[in-house]
Amino acid sequence: MNSLYDFIVEPIGERYNNTIEVDNLKLILNTKIESFKFVNKTAKVISTPLAYKTVIKPGDHVIIHHNVFRRYYDIRGKEKNSSKYFKDNLYFCQPDQIYMYKKQNKWESFMDRCFVKPILNRDNLTLDKTKSLVGILKYGNSVLNKLKIAPGDLVGYTPNSEWEFIIDNELLYCMKSNDIVIKYEHQGNEIKYNPSWAKSS
């Protein structure tokens, strides 16, 4: 069972991650299916496209776009699967909807994607907990490597380019290589930011 151009994947766990544990009790964060923030983004690859070769293999775990598993209401108010639904809890997933894959228990970014760790905002004159448009590169890619931008580097990125993901209980921002616009020198006082809700998701 292979698609010509798409991966076929299944969700790992439920389609929505909308609960956290607080003092050994489950707290439901959201009950609306249209809210993209709580859609499960972790999948298992069932098959790879026939049209080209890929480093991703069947059985690999991947981080994908939220719309693959997302459900919605049509104009009549009827709940429906996304257009990516195939059958029996299986979904089509285009290559550009895959952001990371796991090999030998290690995450690797896919294609032109990279992931940045937000840092704590030290400005006392704002309520923002994270420093705007600055973070520490967590997962790079071959394009950034050629530019000598490596994981651990302090980088700046373009506005509205980042998407929140929770990877191994850690808040990360996903973006494309060309969204990274500058490499800063570390000041030595940067603190990585990870909210408590990320650790319990």
N, C-alpha and C. Protein backbone atom coordinates (compact mmCIF):
# COMPACT_ATOMS: atom_id res chain seq x y z
N MET A 1 0.84 -1.19 0.00
CA MET A 1 0.00 0.00 0.00
C MET A 1 0.88 1.24 0.00
N ASN A 2 1.04 1.84 -1.16
CA ASN A 2 1.85 3.05 -1.29
C ASN A 2 1.13 4.09 -2.13
N SER A 3 1.29 5.34 -1.75
CA SER A 3 0.80 6.44 -2.57
C SER A 3 1.90 6.84 -3.55
N LEU A 4 1.53 7.42 -4.65
CA LEU A 4 2.53 7.83 -5.63
C LEU A 4 3.37 8.99 -5.11
N TYR A 5 2.74 10.02 -4.55
CA TYR A 5 3.46 11.22 -4.14
C TYR A 5 3.43 11.51 -2.64
N ASP A 6 2.52 10.87 -1.90
CA ASP A 6 2.34 11.19 -0.49
C ASP A 6 2.83 10.07 0.42
N PHE A 7 3.21 10.44 1.64
CA PHE A 7 3.41 9.47 2.71
C PHE A 7 2.04 9.04 3.22
N ILE A 8 1.96 7.84 3.75
CA ILE A 8 0.77 7.39 4.47
C ILE A 8 1.17 7.23 5.93
N VAL A 9 0.43 7.91 6.82
CA VAL A 9 0.80 7.93 8.24
C VAL A 9 -0.42 7.63 9.09
N GLU A 10 -0.15 7.29 10.35
CA GLU A 10 -1.21 7.13 11.34
C GLU A 10 -0.80 7.89 12.60
N PRO A 11 -1.76 8.42 13.35
CA PRO A 11 -1.40 9.17 14.57
C PRO A 11 -0.82 8.26 15.64
N ILE A 12 0.13 8.78 16.39
CA ILE A 12 0.63 8.08 17.57
C ILE A 12 -0.17 8.60 18.76
N GLY A 13 -1.02 7.77 19.28
CA GLY A 13 -1.96 8.22 20.32
C GLY A 13 -3.24 8.72 19.69
N GLU A 14 -3.90 9.63 20.35
CA GLU A 14 -5.16 10.18 19.86
C GLU A 14 -4.92 11.26 18.81
N ARG A 15 -5.96 11.64 18.12
CA ARG A 15 -5.84 12.68 17.10
C ARG A 15 -5.67 14.07 17.72
N TYR A 16 -6.14 14.23 18.97
CA TYR A 16 -6.02 15.51 19.66
C TYR A 16 -5.30 15.31 20.99
N ASN A 17 -4.38 16.23 21.29
CA ASN A 17 -3.70 16.24 22.59
C ASN A 17 -4.25 17.42 23.38
N ASN A 18 -5.34 17.19 24.07
CA ASN A 18 -5.99 18.30 24.76
C ASN A 18 -6.12 18.09 26.26
N THR A 19 -5.26 17.25 26.84
CA THR A 19 -5.27 17.05 28.28
C THR A 19 -3.85 17.17 28.84
N ILE A 20 -3.75 17.63 30.09
CA ILE A 20 -2.50 17.62 30.82
C ILE A 20 -2.76 17.02 32.20
N GLU A 21 -1.69 16.56 32.85
CA GLU A 21 -1.81 16.01 34.19
C GLU A 21 -1.42 17.06 35.22
N VAL A 22 -2.31 17.26 36.19
CA VAL A 22 -2.05 18.19 37.29
C VAL A 22 -2.33 17.44 38.58
N ASP A 23 -1.28 17.22 39.38
CA ASP A 23 -1.42 16.47 40.64
C ASP A 23 -2.11 15.13 40.42
N ASN A 24 -1.62 14.40 39.41
CA ASN A 24 -2.12 13.06 39.07
C ASN A 24 -3.58 13.05 38.60
N LEU A 25 -4.09 14.22 38.21
CA LEU A 25 -5.44 14.31 37.66
C LEU A 25 -5.35 14.84 36.23
N LYS A 26 -6.22 14.36 35.35
CA LYS A 26 -6.24 14.83 33.98
C LYS A 26 -7.12 16.07 33.86
N LEU A 27 -6.54 17.12 33.26
CA LEU A 27 -7.27 18.36 33.05
C LEU A 27 -7.47 18.55 31.55
N ILE A 28 -8.75 18.70 31.15
CA ILE A 28 -9.06 18.91 29.74
C ILE A 28 -8.89 20.38 29.40
N LEU A 29 -8.02 20.66 28.42
CA LEU A 29 -7.71 22.03 28.05
C LEU A 29 -8.65 22.60 27.00
N ASN A 30 -9.19 21.73 26.17
CA ASN A 30 -9.95 22.21 25.03
C ASN A 30 -10.89 21.11 24.53
N THR A 31 -12.09 21.51 24.13
CA THR A 31 -13.04 20.53 23.61
C THR A 31 -13.48 20.87 22.18
N LYS A 32 -12.90 21.89 21.58
CA LYS A 32 -13.27 22.31 20.23
C LYS A 32 -12.36 21.64 19.21
N ILE A 33 -12.93 20.97 18.22
CA ILE A 33 -12.13 20.26 17.24
C ILE A 33 -11.45 21.19 16.26
N GLU A 34 -11.95 22.43 16.13
CA GLU A 34 -11.36 23.34 15.15
C GLU A 34 -10.10 24.05 15.66
N SER A 35 -9.77 23.90 16.94
CA SER A 35 -8.59 24.54 17.50
C SER A 35 -7.34 23.76 17.11
N PHE A 36 -6.49 24.35 16.27
CA PHE A 36 -5.33 23.65 15.73
C PHE A 36 -4.25 23.37 16.77
N LYS A 37 -4.21 24.17 17.85
CA LYS A 37 -3.13 24.04 18.83
C LYS A 37 -3.14 22.69 19.52
N PHE A 38 -4.29 22.05 19.60
CA PHE A 38 -4.39 20.80 20.35
C PHE A 38 -4.45 19.57 19.46
N VAL A 39 -4.26 19.74 18.16
CA VAL A 39 -4.23 18.60 17.25
C VAL A 39 -2.91 17.86 17.42
N ASN A 40 -2.98 16.53 17.47
CA ASN A 40 -1.77 15.71 17.56
C ASN A 40 -0.91 15.91 16.31
N LYS A 41 0.37 16.12 16.50
CA LYS A 41 1.28 16.34 15.36
C LYS A 41 2.35 15.25 15.25
N THR A 42 2.21 14.19 16.03
CA THR A 42 3.17 13.09 15.99
C THR A 42 2.54 11.90 15.30
N ALA A 43 3.24 11.35 14.30
CA ALA A 43 2.69 10.26 13.50
C ALA A 43 3.72 9.17 13.26
N LYS A 44 3.22 8.01 12.88
CA LYS A 44 4.07 6.89 12.47
C LYS A 44 3.90 6.69 10.97
N VAL A 45 5.02 6.55 10.27
CA VAL A 45 4.97 6.36 8.82
C VAL A 45 4.61 4.91 8.50
N ILE A 46 3.56 4.74 7.71
CA ILE A 46 3.14 3.41 7.28
C ILE A 46 3.78 3.07 5.94
N SER A 47 3.81 4.03 5.03
CA SER A 47 4.46 3.80 3.73
C SER A 47 4.98 5.12 3.18
N THR A 48 5.94 5.03 2.27
CA THR A 48 6.57 6.20 1.67
C THR A 48 6.15 6.33 0.20
N PRO A 49 6.31 7.51 -0.40
CA PRO A 49 5.89 7.71 -1.79
C PRO A 49 6.69 6.83 -2.77
N LEU A 50 6.03 6.42 -3.84
CA LEU A 50 6.69 5.62 -4.86
C LEU A 50 7.51 6.46 -5.83
N ALA A 51 7.19 7.75 -5.95
CA ALA A 51 7.76 8.58 -7.00
C ALA A 51 9.20 9.01 -6.73
N TYR A 52 9.67 8.94 -5.48
CA TYR A 52 11.03 9.40 -5.19
C TYR A 52 11.54 8.72 -3.93
N LYS A 53 12.86 8.80 -3.74
CA LYS A 53 13.50 8.22 -2.57
C LYS A 53 13.50 9.23 -1.43
N THR A 54 13.49 8.73 -0.22
CA THR A 54 13.48 9.59 0.96
C THR A 54 14.23 8.92 2.09
N VAL A 55 14.81 9.73 2.98
CA VAL A 55 15.51 9.19 4.14
C VAL A 55 14.53 8.62 5.16
N ILE A 56 13.27 9.02 5.06
CA ILE A 56 12.24 8.53 5.97
C ILE A 56 11.77 7.17 5.51
N LYS A 57 11.66 6.23 6.45
CA LYS A 57 11.27 4.87 6.13
C LYS A 57 10.01 4.46 6.91
N PRO A 58 9.30 3.43 6.43
CA PRO A 58 8.15 2.94 7.19
C PRO A 58 8.54 2.57 8.62
N GLY A 59 7.71 2.96 9.56
CA GLY A 59 7.99 2.73 10.97
C GLY A 59 8.60 3.91 11.68
N ASP A 60 9.15 4.87 10.91
CA ASP A 60 9.73 6.07 11.52
C ASP A 60 8.65 6.95 12.12
N HIS A 61 9.00 7.66 13.18
CA HIS A 61 8.10 8.65 13.77
C HIS A 61 8.41 10.00 13.14
N VAL A 62 7.36 10.78 12.89
CA VAL A 62 7.52 12.09 12.25
C VAL A 62 6.67 13.14 12.96
N ILE A 63 7.08 14.39 12.84
CA ILE A 63 6.30 15.54 13.30
C ILE A 63 5.69 16.18 12.07
N ILE A 64 4.38 16.36 12.07
CA ILE A 64 3.67 16.78 10.86
C ILE A 64 2.81 18.03 11.09
N HIS A 65 2.26 18.53 10.01
CA HIS A 65 1.37 19.69 10.04
C HIS A 65 0.07 19.33 10.77
N HIS A 66 -0.47 20.31 11.50
CA HIS A 66 -1.66 20.05 12.31
C HIS A 66 -2.91 19.73 11.48
N ASN A 67 -2.95 20.15 10.23
CA ASN A 67 -4.17 19.93 9.44
C ASN A 67 -4.35 18.50 8.96
N VAL A 68 -3.32 17.66 9.08
CA VAL A 68 -3.44 16.28 8.60
C VAL A 68 -4.48 15.52 9.42
N PHE A 69 -4.40 15.60 10.74
CA PHE A 69 -5.34 14.88 11.61
C PHE A 69 -6.54 15.71 12.04
N ARG A 70 -6.56 16.96 11.72
CA ARG A 70 -7.58 17.88 12.21
C ARG A 70 -8.97 17.55 11.64
N ARG A 71 -9.98 17.70 12.47
CA ARG A 71 -11.36 17.57 12.03
C ARG A 71 -11.99 18.96 11.95
N TYR A 72 -13.11 19.06 11.25
CA TYR A 72 -13.76 20.37 11.11
C TYR A 72 -15.26 20.17 10.90
N TYR A 73 -16.00 21.28 10.95
CA TYR A 73 -17.44 21.25 10.68
C TYR A 73 -17.69 21.84 9.30
N ASP A 74 -18.50 21.15 8.50
CA ASP A 74 -18.83 21.69 7.18
C ASP A 74 -19.92 22.76 7.30
N ILE A 75 -20.40 23.27 6.18
CA ILE A 75 -21.36 24.36 6.21
C ILE A 75 -22.70 23.95 6.82
N ARG A 76 -22.94 22.66 6.92
CA ARG A 76 -24.18 22.16 7.55
C ARG A 76 -23.98 21.81 9.02
N GLY A 77 -22.78 22.07 9.53
CA GLY A 77 -22.50 21.79 10.94
C GLY A 77 -22.16 20.34 11.21
N LYS A 78 -21.87 19.58 10.15
CA LYS A 78 -21.54 18.17 10.31
C LYS A 78 -20.03 18.01 10.48
N GLU A 79 -19.64 17.21 11.46
CA GLU A 79 -18.22 16.98 11.72
C GLU A 79 -17.61 16.10 10.64
N LYS A 80 -16.45 16.52 10.13
CA LYS A 80 -15.82 15.77 9.04
C LYS A 80 -14.32 15.61 9.27
N ASN A 81 -13.76 14.58 8.63
CA ASN A 81 -12.32 14.39 8.63
C ASN A 81 -11.67 15.41 7.70
N SER A 82 -10.37 15.58 7.85
CA SER A 82 -9.65 16.44 6.93
C SER A 82 -9.59 15.78 5.56
N SER A 83 -9.21 16.55 4.55
CA SER A 83 -9.11 16.01 3.19
C SER A 83 -7.99 14.99 3.07
N LYS A 84 -7.14 14.89 4.10
CA LYS A 84 -6.03 13.94 4.09
C LYS A 84 -6.42 12.56 4.59
N TYR A 85 -7.63 12.41 5.08
CA TYR A 85 -8.05 11.11 5.61
C TYR A 85 -8.14 10.08 4.48
N PHE A 86 -7.55 8.91 4.73
CA PHE A 86 -7.56 7.81 3.76
C PHE A 86 -8.57 6.76 4.19
N LYS A 87 -8.25 5.98 5.20
CA LYS A 87 -9.15 4.97 5.74
C LYS A 87 -8.54 4.40 7.01
N ASP A 88 -9.38 3.83 7.86
CA ASP A 88 -8.92 3.07 9.03
C ASP A 88 -7.80 3.76 9.82
N ASN A 89 -8.02 5.03 10.15
CA ASN A 89 -7.04 5.80 10.94
C ASN A 89 -5.73 6.05 10.19
N LEU A 90 -5.78 5.99 8.88
CA LEU A 90 -4.62 6.29 8.03
C LEU A 90 -4.86 7.59 7.27
N TYR A 91 -3.76 8.34 7.01
CA TYR A 91 -3.87 9.65 6.40
C TYR A 91 -2.76 9.85 5.38
N PHE A 92 -3.06 10.60 4.32
CA PHE A 92 -2.04 11.02 3.37
C PHE A 92 -1.33 12.24 3.94
N CYS A 93 -0.04 12.33 3.69
CA CYS A 93 0.75 13.45 4.19
C CYS A 93 1.78 13.83 3.13
N GLN A 94 1.69 15.07 2.64
CA GLN A 94 2.64 15.54 1.64
C GLN A 94 4.02 15.75 2.27
N PRO A 95 5.09 15.64 1.47
CA PRO A 95 6.44 15.84 2.02
C PRO A 95 6.62 17.18 2.73
N ASP A 96 6.03 18.25 2.20
CA ASP A 96 6.21 19.56 2.85
C ASP A 96 5.34 19.72 4.10
N GLN A 97 4.58 18.68 4.46
CA GLN A 97 3.83 18.68 5.72
C GLN A 97 4.56 17.91 6.81
N ILE A 98 5.74 17.40 6.49
CA ILE A 98 6.58 16.71 7.47
C ILE A 98 7.73 17.63 7.86
N TYR A 99 7.92 17.83 9.16
CA TYR A 99 8.90 18.78 9.65
C TYR A 99 10.11 18.11 10.31
N MET A 100 9.89 16.94 10.90
CA MET A 100 10.98 16.20 11.56
C MET A 100 10.73 14.71 11.42
N TYR A 101 11.80 13.95 11.55
CA TYR A 101 11.68 12.50 11.61
C TYR A 101 12.67 11.98 12.65
N LYS A 102 12.38 10.80 13.19
CA LYS A 102 13.23 10.24 14.24
C LYS A 102 13.96 9.01 13.72
N LYS A 103 15.29 9.03 13.87
CA LYS A 103 16.15 7.90 13.51
C LYS A 103 17.00 7.53 14.72
N GLN A 104 16.99 6.25 15.08
CA GLN A 104 17.79 5.77 16.21
C GLN A 104 17.57 6.64 17.45
N ASN A 105 16.30 6.92 17.69
CA ASN A 105 15.87 7.68 18.87
C ASN A 105 16.38 9.12 18.88
N LYS A 106 16.69 9.66 17.70
CA LYS A 106 17.17 11.03 17.60
C LYS A 106 16.37 11.77 16.53
N TRP A 107 15.89 12.97 16.89
CA TRP A 107 15.12 13.77 15.94
C TRP A 107 16.05 14.47 14.94
N GLU A 108 15.60 14.51 13.68
CA GLU A 108 16.30 15.23 12.62
C GLU A 108 15.28 16.10 11.88
N SER A 109 15.65 17.32 11.55
CA SER A 109 14.74 18.16 10.77
C SER A 109 14.66 17.64 9.35
N PHE A 110 13.55 17.93 8.67
CA PHE A 110 13.29 17.39 7.33
C PHE A 110 13.21 18.53 6.32
N MET A 111 13.88 18.34 5.19
CA MET A 111 13.90 19.32 4.11
C MET A 111 14.43 20.67 4.62
N ASP A 112 13.67 21.75 4.40
CA ASP A 112 14.18 23.08 4.75
C ASP A 112 13.72 23.56 6.13
N ARG A 113 13.23 22.64 6.97
CA ARG A 113 12.73 23.05 8.29
C ARG A 113 13.85 23.07 9.32
N CYS A 114 13.65 23.91 10.33
CA CYS A 114 14.56 23.95 11.47
C CYS A 114 13.74 24.31 12.70
N PHE A 115 14.33 24.11 13.88
CA PHE A 115 13.61 24.36 15.13
C PHE A 115 14.46 25.21 16.06
N VAL A 116 13.81 26.21 16.65
CA VAL A 116 14.49 27.18 17.51
C VAL A 116 13.87 27.14 18.90
N LYS A 117 14.73 27.17 19.92
CA LYS A 117 14.29 27.19 21.30
C LYS A 117 14.14 28.63 21.77
N PRO A 118 12.95 29.03 22.26
CA PRO A 118 12.79 30.40 22.75
C PRO A 118 13.62 30.64 24.01
N ILE A 119 13.98 31.90 24.24
CA ILE A 119 14.74 32.25 25.43
C ILE A 119 13.93 33.24 26.28
N LEU A 120 14.25 33.24 27.56
CA LEU A 120 13.54 34.08 28.52
C LEU A 120 13.79 35.56 28.24
N ASN A 121 12.73 36.34 28.30
CA ASN A 121 12.83 37.78 28.12
C ASN A 121 13.22 38.43 29.44
N ARG A 122 14.34 39.15 29.45
CA ARG A 122 14.82 39.80 30.67
C ARG A 122 14.37 41.25 30.79
N ASP A 123 13.55 41.71 29.85
CA ASP A 123 13.07 43.09 29.87
C ASP A 123 11.92 43.21 30.87
N ASN A 124 12.11 43.97 31.91
CA ASN A 124 11.09 44.12 32.96
C ASN A 124 9.96 45.05 32.55
N LEU A 125 10.09 45.71 31.41
CA LEU A 125 9.07 46.66 30.97
C LEU A 125 8.02 46.03 30.06
N THR A 126 8.06 44.72 29.90
CA THR A 126 7.07 44.03 29.07
C THR A 126 6.59 42.77 29.77
N LEU A 127 5.39 42.34 29.42
CA LEU A 127 4.83 41.12 30.00
C LEU A 127 5.18 39.88 29.19
N ASP A 128 5.83 40.07 28.04
CA ASP A 128 6.21 38.93 27.21
C ASP A 128 7.24 38.07 27.93
N LYS A 129 6.97 36.76 28.01
CA LYS A 129 7.89 35.88 28.72
C LYS A 129 9.08 35.47 27.87
N THR A 130 8.94 35.54 26.55
CA THR A 130 10.05 35.16 25.67
C THR A 130 10.56 36.37 24.90
N LYS A 131 11.85 36.34 24.58
CA LYS A 131 12.45 37.41 23.80
C LYS A 131 11.96 37.32 22.37
N SER A 132 11.51 38.44 21.83
CA SER A 132 10.91 38.47 20.50
C SER A 132 11.95 38.23 19.40
N LEU A 133 11.65 37.29 18.51
CA LEU A 133 12.40 37.04 17.28
C LEU A 133 13.84 36.60 17.51
N VAL A 134 14.13 36.07 18.71
CA VAL A 134 15.47 35.58 19.04
C VAL A 134 15.33 34.25 19.76
N GLY A 135 16.21 33.31 19.45
CA GLY A 135 16.19 32.02 20.13
C GLY A 135 17.48 31.26 19.88
N ILE A 136 17.54 30.05 20.41
CA ILE A 136 18.71 29.19 20.25
C ILE A 136 18.34 28.05 19.31
N LEU A 137 19.13 27.90 18.25
CA LEU A 137 18.85 26.84 17.28
C LEU A 137 18.99 25.48 17.94
N LYS A 138 17.93 24.68 17.86
CA LYS A 138 17.93 23.35 18.46
C LYS A 138 18.19 22.28 17.40
N TYR A 139 17.48 22.36 16.29
CA TYR A 139 17.66 21.42 15.19
C TYR A 139 17.86 22.21 13.90
N GLY A 140 19.01 22.06 13.30
CA GLY A 140 19.31 22.77 12.06
C GLY A 140 19.08 21.89 10.85
N ASN A 141 19.72 22.25 9.73
CA ASN A 141 19.64 21.45 8.51
C ASN A 141 20.87 21.73 7.66
N SER A 142 20.95 21.08 6.50
CA SER A 142 22.16 21.19 5.67
C SER A 142 22.38 22.61 5.15
N VAL A 143 21.30 23.35 4.87
CA VAL A 143 21.44 24.72 4.39
C VAL A 143 22.08 25.60 5.47
N LEU A 144 21.61 25.48 6.69
CA LEU A 144 22.16 26.27 7.79
C LEU A 144 23.60 25.83 8.11
N ASN A 145 23.87 24.53 7.97
CA ASN A 145 25.23 24.05 8.21
C ASN A 145 26.22 24.71 7.25
N LYS A 146 25.82 24.86 5.99
CA LYS A 146 26.69 25.50 5.00
C LYS A 146 26.94 26.96 5.33
N LEU A 147 26.00 27.57 6.01
CA LEU A 147 26.14 28.97 6.44
C LEU A 147 26.85 29.08 7.79
N LYS A 148 27.30 27.92 8.31
CA LYS A 148 27.99 27.85 9.60
C LYS A 148 27.09 28.30 10.75
N ILE A 149 25.82 27.94 10.62
CA ILE A 149 24.85 28.15 11.70
C ILE A 149 24.48 26.77 12.23
N ALA A 150 24.87 26.49 13.46
CA ALA A 150 24.75 25.15 14.01
C ALA A 150 23.88 25.14 15.27
N PRO A 151 23.35 23.96 15.65
CA PRO A 151 22.60 23.87 16.90
C PRO A 151 23.40 24.44 18.07
N GLY A 152 22.72 25.23 18.89
CA GLY A 152 23.37 25.91 20.00
C GLY A 152 23.65 27.37 19.72
N ASP A 153 23.60 27.77 18.44
CA ASP A 153 23.84 29.17 18.08
C ASP A 153 22.63 30.04 18.43
N LEU A 154 22.91 31.26 18.82
CA LEU A 154 21.87 32.26 19.08
C LEU A 154 21.50 32.92 17.76
N VAL A 155 20.23 32.83 17.36
CA VAL A 155 19.82 33.31 16.04
C VAL A 155 18.62 34.25 16.13
N GLY A 156 18.46 35.05 15.09
CA GLY A 156 17.29 35.89 14.94
C GLY A 156 16.47 35.41 13.76
N TYR A 157 15.15 35.56 13.84
CA TYR A 157 14.29 35.07 12.77
C TYR A 157 13.21 36.10 12.43
N THR A 158 12.58 35.93 11.28
CA THR A 158 11.62 36.90 10.77
C THR A 158 10.30 36.85 11.54
N PRO A 159 9.56 37.96 11.59
CA PRO A 159 8.27 37.97 12.31
C PRO A 159 7.26 37.01 11.68
N ASN A 160 6.45 36.41 12.54
CA ASN A 160 5.34 35.54 12.13
C ASN A 160 5.78 34.32 11.32
N SER A 161 7.01 33.89 11.52
CA SER A 161 7.51 32.72 10.79
C SER A 161 7.50 31.47 11.64
N GLU A 162 7.31 31.63 12.95
CA GLU A 162 7.45 30.51 13.87
C GLU A 162 6.10 29.87 14.20
N TRP A 163 6.14 28.53 14.32
CA TRP A 163 4.98 27.76 14.74
C TRP A 163 5.35 26.94 15.97
N GLU A 164 4.49 26.94 16.98
CA GLU A 164 4.78 26.24 18.23
C GLU A 164 4.63 24.73 18.08
N PHE A 165 5.62 24.01 18.58
CA PHE A 165 5.56 22.55 18.67
C PHE A 165 6.09 22.12 20.03
N ILE A 166 5.55 21.04 20.55
CA ILE A 166 6.09 20.42 21.76
C ILE A 166 6.79 19.14 21.33
N ILE A 167 8.12 19.12 21.45
CA ILE A 167 8.92 17.96 21.07
C ILE A 167 9.59 17.43 22.33
N ASP A 168 9.24 16.22 22.73
CA ASP A 168 9.82 15.62 23.95
C ASP A 168 9.69 16.56 25.14
N ASN A 169 8.47 17.06 25.33
CA ASN A 169 8.15 17.94 26.47
C ASN A 169 8.93 19.25 26.46
N GLU A 170 9.28 19.72 25.26
CA GLU A 170 10.03 20.96 25.14
C GLU A 170 9.38 21.85 24.09
N LEU A 171 9.13 23.10 24.45
CA LEU A 171 8.55 24.06 23.52
C LEU A 171 9.60 24.50 22.51
N LEU A 172 9.29 24.32 21.21
CA LEU A 172 10.19 24.72 20.13
C LEU A 172 9.39 25.46 19.06
N TYR A 173 10.07 26.33 18.33
CA TYR A 173 9.46 27.02 17.20
C TYR A 173 9.98 26.43 15.90
N CYS A 174 9.06 26.01 15.05
CA CYS A 174 9.42 25.48 13.74
C CYS A 174 9.36 26.61 12.71
N MET A 175 10.35 26.63 11.82
CA MET A 175 10.38 27.62 10.75
C MET A 175 11.22 27.08 9.61
N LYS A 176 11.35 27.86 8.52
CA LYS A 176 12.17 27.46 7.39
C LYS A 176 13.56 28.08 7.51
N SER A 177 14.50 27.50 6.75
CA SER A 177 15.89 27.98 6.79
C SER A 177 15.99 29.47 6.49
N ASN A 178 15.25 29.92 5.47
CA ASN A 178 15.38 31.33 5.08
C ASN A 178 14.68 32.28 6.04
N ASP A 179 14.02 31.74 7.08
CA ASP A 179 13.47 32.60 8.13
C ASP A 179 14.54 32.97 9.15
N ILE A 180 15.65 32.23 9.18
CA ILE A 180 16.78 32.59 10.04
C ILE A 180 17.57 33.68 9.33
N VAL A 181 17.63 34.85 9.92
CA VAL A 181 18.21 36.00 9.21
C VAL A 181 19.51 36.52 9.83
N ILE A 182 19.85 36.08 11.03
CA ILE A 182 21.08 36.59 11.66
C ILE A 182 21.57 35.60 12.72
N LYS A 183 22.87 35.57 12.88
CA LYS A 183 23.50 34.78 13.94
C LYS A 183 24.15 35.76 14.91
N TYR A 184 23.75 35.68 16.19
CA TYR A 184 24.27 36.59 17.20
C TYR A 184 25.42 35.93 17.98
N GLU A 185 26.20 36.76 18.63
CA GLU A 185 27.17 36.27 19.60
C GLU A 185 26.44 36.05 20.92
N HIS A 186 26.71 34.94 21.56
CA HIS A 186 26.11 34.68 22.87
C HIS A 186 26.59 35.73 23.88
N GLN A 187 25.64 36.24 24.68
CA GLN A 187 25.99 37.19 25.73
C GLN A 187 26.39 36.46 27.02
N GLY A 188 26.01 35.20 27.12
CA GLY A 188 26.35 34.41 28.29
C GLY A 188 25.28 34.38 29.35
N ASN A 189 24.23 35.18 29.18
CA ASN A 189 23.16 35.22 30.18
C ASN A 189 21.82 34.74 29.63
N GLU A 190 21.85 34.08 28.46
CA GLU A 190 20.59 33.60 27.88
C GLU A 190 20.05 32.41 28.67
N ILE A 191 18.76 32.43 28.92
CA ILE A 191 18.10 31.33 29.63
C ILE A 191 17.03 30.75 28.72
N LYS A 192 17.09 29.46 28.46
CA LYS A 192 16.08 28.80 27.64
C LYS A 192 14.74 28.84 28.36
N TYR A 193 13.69 29.08 27.58
CA TYR A 193 12.35 29.18 28.17
C TYR A 193 11.55 27.92 27.85
N ASN A 194 11.01 27.30 28.87
CA ASN A 194 10.13 26.15 28.68
C ASN A 194 9.01 26.21 29.71
N PRO A 195 7.77 26.51 29.27
CA PRO A 195 6.67 26.64 30.21
C PRO A 195 6.30 25.31 30.85
N SER A 196 5.69 25.35 32.01
CA SER A 196 5.33 24.13 32.74
C SER A 196 4.33 23.29 31.97
N TRP A 197 3.44 23.94 31.18
CA TRP A 197 2.44 23.17 30.45
C TRP A 197 3.06 22.33 29.35
N ALA A 198 4.23 22.71 28.85
CA ALA A 198 4.91 21.91 27.83
C ALA A 198 5.41 20.59 28.41
N LYS A 199 5.83 20.63 29.67
CA LYS A 199 6.39 19.43 30.31
C LYS A 199 5.32 18.41 30.65
N SER A 200 4.08 18.84 30.73
CA SER A 200 3.01 17.91 31.13
C SER A 200 2.08 17.58 29.98
N SER A 201 2.45 17.98 28.75
CA SER A 201 1.56 17.73 27.61
C SER A 201 1.73 16.32 27.09
